């Protein structure tokens, strides 16, 4: 059996951009896979291990963002 990597919501800032790897269904909304602010996602997404940190930006993209 493979080990699942679960990240706690407390590991992220509410303003940090994270990636939702799979669809997350809640009673009020359907969250499609993609990039979200950590504060926008429900606790369920973190508890189920559906959220991943994005790798750091390097190179020219980082320089442009820093201007």
C-alpha atoms as a PDB file:
ATOM      1  CA  UNK A   1       0.000   0.000   0.000  1.00  0.00           C
ATOM      2  CA  UNK A   2       1.358   3.452  -0.940  1.00  0.00           C
ATOM      3  CA  UNK A   3       1.786   6.136   1.674  1.00  0.00           C
ATOM      4  CA  UNK A   4      -0.358   9.219   1.246  1.00  0.00           C
ATOM      5  CA  UNK A   5       1.161  12.613   1.864  1.00  0.00           C
ATOM      6  CA  UNK A   6      -1.287  14.779   3.785  1.00  0.00           C
ATOM      7  CA  UNK A   7      -0.638  18.399   4.550  1.00  0.00           C
ATOM      8  CA  UNK A   8      -2.350  20.328   7.304  1.00  0.00           C
ATOM      9  CA  UNK A   9      -4.063  23.642   6.603  1.00  0.00           C
ATOM     10  CA  UNK A  10      -1.802  25.170   9.272  1.00  0.00           C
ATOM     11  CA  UNK A  11       1.202  24.609   6.975  1.00  0.00           C
ATOM     12  CA  UNK A  12      -0.108  27.247   4.553  1.00  0.00           C
ATOM     13  CA  UNK A  13      -0.767  30.970   4.688  1.00  0.00           C
ATOM     14  CA  UNK A  14      -4.323  31.883   3.671  1.00  0.00           C
ATOM     15  CA  UNK A  15      -2.827  33.946   0.827  1.00  0.00           C
ATOM     16  CA  UNK A  16      -0.504  31.176  -0.408  1.00  0.00           C
ATOM     17  CA  UNK A  17      -1.290  29.680  -3.823  1.00  0.00           C
ATOM     18  CA  UNK A  18      -1.628  25.882  -3.690  1.00  0.00           C
ATOM     19  CA  UNK A  19      -2.646  23.184  -6.150  1.00  0.00           C
ATOM     20  CA  UNK A  20      -5.762  21.081  -5.716  1.00  0.00           C
ATOM     21  CA  UNK A  21      -4.881  17.763  -7.366  1.00  0.00           C
ATOM     22  CA  UNK A  22      -8.355  16.198  -7.500  1.00  0.00           C
ATOM     23  CA  UNK A  23     -11.951  17.339  -7.508  1.00  0.00           C
ATOM     24  CA  UNK A  24     -13.234  18.161  -4.023  1.00  0.00           C
ATOM     25  CA  UNK A  25     -16.971  17.993  -3.359  1.00  0.00           C
ATOM     26  CA  UNK A  26     -18.574  19.857  -0.475  1.00  0.00           C
ATOM     27  CA  UNK A  27     -22.297  20.320   0.242  1.00  0.00           C
ATOM     28  CA  UNK A  28     -22.132  23.886  -1.064  1.00  0.00           C
ATOM     29  CA  UNK A  29     -19.591  23.777  -3.883  1.00  0.00           C
ATOM     30  CA  UNK A  30     -17.553  21.666  -6.288  1.00  0.00           C
ATOM     31  CA  UNK A  31     -13.849  22.552  -6.428  1.00  0.00           C
ATOM     32  CA  UNK A  32     -12.229  21.566  -9.730  1.00  0.00           C
ATOM     33  CA  UNK A  33      -8.502  20.659  -9.820  1.00  0.00           C
ATOM     34  CA  UNK A  34      -6.291  23.708 -10.244  1.00  0.00           C
ATOM     35  CA  UNK A  35      -4.592  26.540  -8.376  1.00  0.00           C
ATOM     36  CA  UNK A  36      -6.323  28.254  -5.445  1.00  0.00           C
ATOM     37  CA  UNK A  37      -5.511  30.454  -2.512  1.00  0.00           C
ATOM     38  CA  UNK A  38      -5.198  28.161   0.517  1.00  0.00           C
ATOM     39  CA  UNK A  39      -7.851  30.199   2.323  1.00  0.00           C
ATOM     40  CA  UNK A  40     -10.428  29.470  -0.424  1.00  0.00           C
ATOM     41  CA  UNK A  41     -10.309  25.685  -0.025  1.00  0.00           C
ATOM     42  CA  UNK A  42     -12.310  23.755   2.571  1.00  0.00           C
ATOM     43  CA  UNK A  43     -10.628  21.876   5.426  1.00  0.00           C
ATOM     44  CA  UNK A  44     -11.790  18.641   3.779  1.00  0.00           C
ATOM     45  CA  UNK A  45      -9.399  19.153   0.850  1.00  0.00           C
ATOM     46  CA  UNK A  46      -6.439  19.331   3.242  1.00  0.00           C
ATOM     47  CA  UNK A  47      -7.653  16.435   5.416  1.00  0.00           C
ATOM     48  CA  UNK A  48      -8.059  14.189   2.371  1.00  0.00           C
ATOM     49  CA  UNK A  49      -4.557  14.999   1.098  1.00  0.00           C
ATOM     50  CA  UNK A  50      -5.761  16.670  -2.103  1.00  0.00           C
ATOM     51  CA  UNK A  51      -3.667  19.846  -1.709  1.00  0.00           C
ATOM     52  CA  UNK A  52       0.012  20.282  -2.628  1.00  0.00           C
ATOM     53  CA  UNK A  53       2.451  23.132  -2.246  1.00  0.00           C
ATOM     54  CA  UNK A  54       3.606  24.607  -5.535  1.00  0.00           C
ATOM     55  CA  UNK A  55       7.349  24.460  -6.253  1.00  0.00           C
ATOM     56  CA  UNK A  56       9.240  27.728  -5.838  1.00  0.00           C
ATOM     57  CA  UNK A  57       9.452  29.940  -8.922  1.00  0.00           C
ATOM     58  CA  UNK A  58      12.973  30.269 -10.320  1.00  0.00           C
ATOM     59  CA  UNK A  59      14.721  32.095 -13.109  1.00  0.00           C
ATOM     60  CA  UNK A  60      13.252  34.894 -15.195  1.00  0.00           C
ATOM     61  CA  UNK A  61       9.703  34.357 -13.892  1.00  0.00           C
ATOM     62  CA  UNK A  62      10.936  35.069 -10.364  1.00  0.00           C
ATOM     63  CA  UNK A  63      12.675  38.273 -11.492  1.00  0.00           C
ATOM     64  CA  UNK A  64       9.547  39.548 -13.235  1.00  0.00           C
ATOM     65  CA  UNK A  65       7.348  38.801 -10.195  1.00  0.00           C
ATOM     66  CA  UNK A  66       9.817  40.612  -7.910  1.00  0.00           C
ATOM     67  CA  UNK A  67       9.700  43.913  -9.856  1.00  0.00           C
END
